[in-house]
């Protein structure tokens, strides 16, 4: 199992717009083969920061996710809302419930 954590700082006043984009993306991600979990979270200490916690069966599933038309469209749409670069951590899942 592979986990991915993406941190996105959203520009001031753009959080609702970013959340709406994710509301359109998440159901589509849920239909992708190999996706185990996908959660979009807001950091309570930094309300302009979204933390996306993704879980996939394997590296192929991550590659497939990144190649989907809906993810590519989302990436283009969310880019102007970002305040800086997306920080991504790729993790090997050792134990989970």
N, C-alpha and C. Protein backbone atom coordinates (compact mmCIF):
# COMPACT_ATOMS: atom_id res chain seq x y z
N UNK A 1 0.85 -1.17 0.00
CA UNK A 1 0.00 0.00 0.00
C UNK A 1 0.89 1.24 0.00
N UNK A 2 0.45 2.25 -0.71
CA UNK A 2 1.19 3.50 -0.80
C UNK A 2 0.27 4.64 -0.36
N UNK A 3 0.81 5.54 0.42
CA UNK A 3 0.08 6.74 0.83
C UNK A 3 0.78 7.96 0.25
N UNK A 4 0.01 8.97 -0.01
CA UNK A 4 0.53 10.23 -0.52
C UNK A 4 -0.13 11.34 0.27
N UNK A 5 0.66 12.30 0.70
CA UNK A 5 0.12 13.48 1.39
C UNK A 5 0.49 14.70 0.57
N UNK A 6 -0.51 15.45 0.17
CA UNK A 6 -0.29 16.69 -0.58
C UNK A 6 -0.77 17.86 0.27
N UNK A 7 0.09 18.87 0.40
CA UNK A 7 -0.26 20.08 1.15
C UNK A 7 -0.36 21.23 0.17
N UNK A 8 -1.51 21.91 0.20
CA UNK A 8 -1.79 23.02 -0.71
C UNK A 8 -2.18 24.25 0.08
N UNK A 9 -1.37 25.29 -0.04
CA UNK A 9 -1.75 26.56 0.57
C UNK A 9 -2.62 27.30 -0.44
N UNK A 10 -3.79 27.71 0.01
CA UNK A 10 -4.78 28.37 -0.85
C UNK A 10 -4.73 29.88 -0.62
N UNK A 11 -4.82 30.63 -1.72
CA UNK A 11 -4.81 32.09 -1.62
C UNK A 11 -5.98 32.59 -0.77
N UNK A 12 -5.75 33.71 -0.12
CA UNK A 12 -6.78 34.32 0.72
C UNK A 12 -8.05 34.56 -0.09
N UNK A 13 -9.17 34.14 0.48
CA UNK A 13 -10.46 34.36 -0.15
C UNK A 13 -10.83 33.32 -1.21
N UNK A 14 -9.99 32.33 -1.42
CA UNK A 14 -10.22 31.34 -2.48
C UNK A 14 -10.54 29.94 -1.95
N UNK A 15 -10.66 29.79 -0.63
CA UNK A 15 -10.88 28.46 -0.05
C UNK A 15 -12.19 27.83 -0.52
N UNK A 16 -13.27 28.58 -0.58
CA UNK A 16 -14.55 28.02 -1.01
C UNK A 16 -14.46 27.52 -2.45
N UNK A 17 -13.78 28.27 -3.30
CA UNK A 17 -13.62 27.87 -4.69
C UNK A 17 -12.79 26.59 -4.79
N UNK A 18 -11.73 26.51 -4.00
CA UNK A 18 -10.89 25.30 -3.99
C UNK A 18 -11.69 24.11 -3.50
N UNK A 19 -12.47 24.29 -2.44
CA UNK A 19 -13.29 23.20 -1.90
C UNK A 19 -14.29 22.72 -2.93
N UNK A 20 -14.88 23.64 -3.69
CA UNK A 20 -15.83 23.25 -4.74
C UNK A 20 -15.16 22.40 -5.81
N UNK A 21 -13.93 22.75 -6.17
CA UNK A 21 -13.21 21.95 -7.16
C UNK A 21 -12.98 20.53 -6.63
N UNK A 22 -12.63 20.43 -5.36
CA UNK A 22 -12.44 19.10 -4.77
C UNK A 22 -13.75 18.33 -4.70
N UNK A 23 -14.87 19.02 -4.44
CA UNK A 23 -16.17 18.35 -4.40
C UNK A 23 -16.49 17.70 -5.75
N UNK A 24 -16.02 18.30 -6.82
CA UNK A 24 -16.20 17.71 -8.14
C UNK A 24 -15.23 16.58 -8.43
N UNK A 25 -14.03 16.66 -7.85
CA UNK A 25 -12.98 15.67 -8.12
C UNK A 25 -13.16 14.38 -7.32
N UNK A 26 -13.43 14.49 -6.03
CA UNK A 26 -13.39 13.34 -5.12
C UNK A 26 -14.28 12.18 -5.58
N UNK A 27 -15.53 12.39 -5.99
CA UNK A 27 -16.34 11.25 -6.42
C UNK A 27 -15.72 10.51 -7.62
N UNK A 28 -15.07 11.24 -8.50
CA UNK A 28 -14.42 10.62 -9.66
C UNK A 28 -13.21 9.81 -9.22
N UNK A 29 -12.44 10.33 -8.28
CA UNK A 29 -11.28 9.60 -7.76
C UNK A 29 -11.75 8.30 -7.11
N UNK A 30 -12.90 8.34 -6.46
CA UNK A 30 -13.43 7.16 -5.80
C UNK A 30 -13.75 6.01 -6.75
N UNK A 31 -13.92 6.30 -8.03
CA UNK A 31 -14.21 5.25 -9.02
C UNK A 31 -12.95 4.68 -9.64
N UNK A 32 -11.80 5.25 -9.36
CA UNK A 32 -10.55 4.79 -9.97
C UNK A 32 -10.10 3.46 -9.36
N UNK A 33 -9.73 2.55 -10.21
CA UNK A 33 -9.23 1.24 -9.76
C UNK A 33 -7.92 1.45 -9.00
N UNK A 34 -7.84 0.88 -7.82
CA UNK A 34 -6.62 0.97 -7.03
C UNK A 34 -6.61 2.09 -6.01
N UNK A 35 -7.64 2.93 -6.01
CA UNK A 35 -7.75 3.97 -4.99
C UNK A 35 -8.39 3.37 -3.75
N UNK A 36 -7.69 3.46 -2.62
CA UNK A 36 -8.18 2.90 -1.36
C UNK A 36 -8.85 3.98 -0.51
N UNK A 37 -8.33 5.19 -0.55
CA UNK A 37 -8.90 6.29 0.22
C UNK A 37 -8.42 7.63 -0.29
N UNK A 38 -9.23 8.66 -0.07
CA UNK A 38 -8.89 10.01 -0.54
C UNK A 38 -9.64 10.99 0.35
N UNK A 39 -8.90 11.72 1.18
CA UNK A 39 -9.53 12.66 2.11
C UNK A 39 -8.94 14.05 1.93
N UNK A 40 -9.81 15.04 1.83
CA UNK A 40 -9.39 16.44 1.74
C UNK A 40 -9.67 17.06 3.10
N UNK A 41 -8.62 17.54 3.75
CA UNK A 41 -8.72 18.07 5.11
C UNK A 41 -8.22 19.51 5.16
N UNK A 42 -8.79 20.27 6.08
CA UNK A 42 -8.34 21.65 6.30
C UNK A 42 -7.58 21.68 7.62
N UNK A 43 -6.40 22.25 7.59
CA UNK A 43 -5.55 22.33 8.78
C UNK A 43 -6.17 23.34 9.75
N UNK A 44 -6.52 22.89 10.95
CA UNK A 44 -7.16 23.78 11.93
C UNK A 44 -6.24 24.91 12.38
N UNK A 45 -4.95 24.66 12.45
CA UNK A 45 -3.99 25.68 12.88
C UNK A 45 -3.67 26.67 11.76
N UNK A 46 -3.87 26.25 10.51
CA UNK A 46 -3.58 27.08 9.33
C UNK A 46 -4.75 26.95 8.36
N UNK A 47 -5.81 27.72 8.55
CA UNK A 47 -7.04 27.53 7.78
C UNK A 47 -6.92 27.76 6.28
N UNK A 48 -5.78 28.27 5.82
CA UNK A 48 -5.56 28.44 4.39
C UNK A 48 -4.84 27.23 3.78
N UNK A 49 -4.63 26.18 4.59
CA UNK A 49 -3.88 25.00 4.15
C UNK A 49 -4.79 23.78 4.04
N UNK A 50 -4.82 23.20 2.85
CA UNK A 50 -5.51 21.94 2.63
C UNK A 50 -4.48 20.82 2.65
N UNK A 51 -4.82 19.74 3.32
CA UNK A 51 -3.97 18.56 3.36
C UNK A 51 -4.79 17.41 2.78
N UNK A 52 -4.29 16.84 1.69
CA UNK A 52 -4.99 15.76 1.02
C UNK A 52 -4.26 14.47 1.36
N UNK A 53 -4.99 13.53 1.92
CA UNK A 53 -4.42 12.25 2.33
C UNK A 53 -4.97 11.20 1.36
N UNK A 54 -4.07 10.63 0.58
CA UNK A 54 -4.45 9.68 -0.46
C UNK A 54 -3.84 8.31 -0.16
N UNK A 55 -4.61 7.26 -0.44
CA UNK A 55 -4.11 5.89 -0.26
C UNK A 55 -4.40 5.10 -1.53
N UNK A 56 -3.38 4.40 -2.00
CA UNK A 56 -3.49 3.63 -3.23
C UNK A 56 -2.94 2.22 -3.03
N UNK A 57 -3.45 1.31 -3.83
CA UNK A 57 -3.00 -0.09 -3.78
C UNK A 57 -1.51 -0.20 -4.12
N UNK A 58 -1.06 0.57 -5.13
CA UNK A 58 0.33 0.47 -5.57
C UNK A 58 0.70 1.70 -6.41
N UNK A 59 1.94 1.72 -6.85
CA UNK A 59 2.43 2.84 -7.66
C UNK A 59 1.69 2.99 -8.98
N UNK A 60 1.27 1.89 -9.55
CA UNK A 60 0.51 1.96 -10.80
C UNK A 60 -0.80 2.72 -10.61
N UNK A 61 -1.43 2.53 -9.47
CA UNK A 61 -2.69 3.23 -9.20
C UNK A 61 -2.46 4.74 -9.07
N UNK A 62 -1.34 5.14 -8.48
CA UNK A 62 -1.01 6.57 -8.39
C UNK A 62 -0.78 7.14 -9.78
N UNK A 63 -0.03 6.41 -10.60
CA UNK A 63 0.23 6.87 -11.98
C UNK A 63 -1.07 6.99 -12.76
N UNK A 64 -1.95 6.00 -12.59
CA UNK A 64 -3.23 6.04 -13.30
C UNK A 64 -4.05 7.25 -12.85
N UNK A 65 -4.06 7.52 -11.55
CA UNK A 65 -4.79 8.67 -11.02
C UNK A 65 -4.27 9.97 -11.63
N UNK A 66 -2.96 10.12 -11.66
CA UNK A 66 -2.34 11.35 -12.19
C UNK A 66 -2.59 11.53 -13.68
N UNK A 67 -2.94 10.45 -14.37
CA UNK A 67 -3.13 10.50 -15.82
C UNK A 67 -4.58 10.67 -16.25
N UNK A 68 -5.51 10.65 -15.31
CA UNK A 68 -6.92 10.74 -15.68
C UNK A 68 -7.26 12.14 -16.19
N UNK A 69 -8.20 12.22 -17.13
CA UNK A 69 -8.63 13.54 -17.61
C UNK A 69 -9.19 14.42 -16.49
N UNK A 70 -9.94 13.82 -15.55
CA UNK A 70 -10.53 14.65 -14.48
C UNK A 70 -9.45 15.21 -13.56
N UNK A 71 -8.37 14.48 -13.31
CA UNK A 71 -7.30 15.02 -12.47
C UNK A 71 -6.54 16.11 -13.21
N UNK A 72 -6.31 15.92 -14.50
CA UNK A 72 -5.61 16.94 -15.29
C UNK A 72 -6.44 18.23 -15.34
N UNK A 73 -7.74 18.10 -15.52
CA UNK A 73 -8.63 19.28 -15.55
C UNK A 73 -8.63 19.98 -14.19
N UNK A 74 -8.70 19.19 -13.11
CA UNK A 74 -8.66 19.74 -11.77
C UNK A 74 -7.36 20.51 -11.55
N UNK A 75 -6.24 19.95 -11.94
CA UNK A 75 -4.93 20.57 -11.73
C UNK A 75 -4.85 21.94 -12.41
N UNK A 76 -5.38 22.04 -13.61
CA UNK A 76 -5.39 23.32 -14.33
C UNK A 76 -6.29 24.32 -13.60
N UNK A 77 -7.46 23.86 -13.16
CA UNK A 77 -8.43 24.75 -12.51
C UNK A 77 -7.96 25.22 -11.14
N UNK A 78 -7.26 24.37 -10.38
CA UNK A 78 -6.86 24.75 -9.02
C UNK A 78 -5.58 25.60 -9.02
N UNK A 79 -4.78 25.52 -10.05
CA UNK A 79 -3.48 26.22 -10.08
C UNK A 79 -3.58 27.71 -9.74
N UNK A 80 -4.53 28.47 -10.29
CA UNK A 80 -4.59 29.90 -9.95
C UNK A 80 -5.02 30.19 -8.52
N UNK A 81 -5.52 29.18 -7.81
CA UNK A 81 -5.97 29.37 -6.43
C UNK A 81 -4.86 29.10 -5.42
N UNK A 82 -3.76 28.55 -5.89
CA UNK A 82 -2.67 28.15 -4.99
C UNK A 82 -1.75 29.31 -4.66
N UNK A 83 -1.30 29.33 -3.41
CA UNK A 83 -0.33 30.31 -2.94
C UNK A 83 0.99 29.57 -2.72
N UNK A 84 1.69 29.34 -3.81
CA UNK A 84 2.94 28.59 -3.75
C UNK A 84 2.78 27.20 -4.34
N UNK A 85 3.82 26.42 -4.20
CA UNK A 85 3.86 25.08 -4.78
C UNK A 85 3.19 24.06 -3.85
N UNK A 86 2.69 23.01 -4.45
CA UNK A 86 2.11 21.91 -3.69
C UNK A 86 3.26 21.08 -3.13
N UNK A 87 3.18 20.77 -1.84
CA UNK A 87 4.19 19.93 -1.19
C UNK A 87 3.65 18.50 -1.14
N UNK A 88 4.42 17.56 -1.70
CA UNK A 88 3.97 16.18 -1.78
C UNK A 88 4.94 15.27 -1.05
N UNK A 89 4.39 14.38 -0.22
CA UNK A 89 5.17 13.34 0.44
C UNK A 89 4.61 12.00 0.01
N UNK A 90 5.48 11.13 -0.49
CA UNK A 90 5.10 9.78 -0.89
C UNK A 90 5.56 8.83 0.20
N UNK A 91 4.63 8.02 0.72
CA UNK A 91 4.90 7.18 1.87
C UNK A 91 4.62 5.71 1.59
N UNK A 92 5.43 4.84 2.13
CA UNK A 92 5.15 3.42 2.10
C UNK A 92 4.36 3.09 3.35
N UNK A 93 3.15 2.59 3.16
CA UNK A 93 2.31 2.27 4.29
C UNK A 93 2.77 0.95 4.91
N UNK A 94 3.08 1.00 6.19
CA UNK A 94 3.57 -0.18 6.89
C UNK A 94 2.45 -0.87 7.66
N UNK A 95 1.59 -0.08 8.28
CA UNK A 95 0.51 -0.64 9.09
C UNK A 95 -0.66 0.34 9.10
N UNK A 96 -1.86 -0.18 8.99
CA UNK A 96 -3.05 0.69 9.04
C UNK A 96 -4.25 -0.14 9.44
N UNK A 97 -5.35 0.57 9.71
CA UNK A 97 -6.62 -0.11 9.99
C UNK A 97 -7.65 0.43 9.01
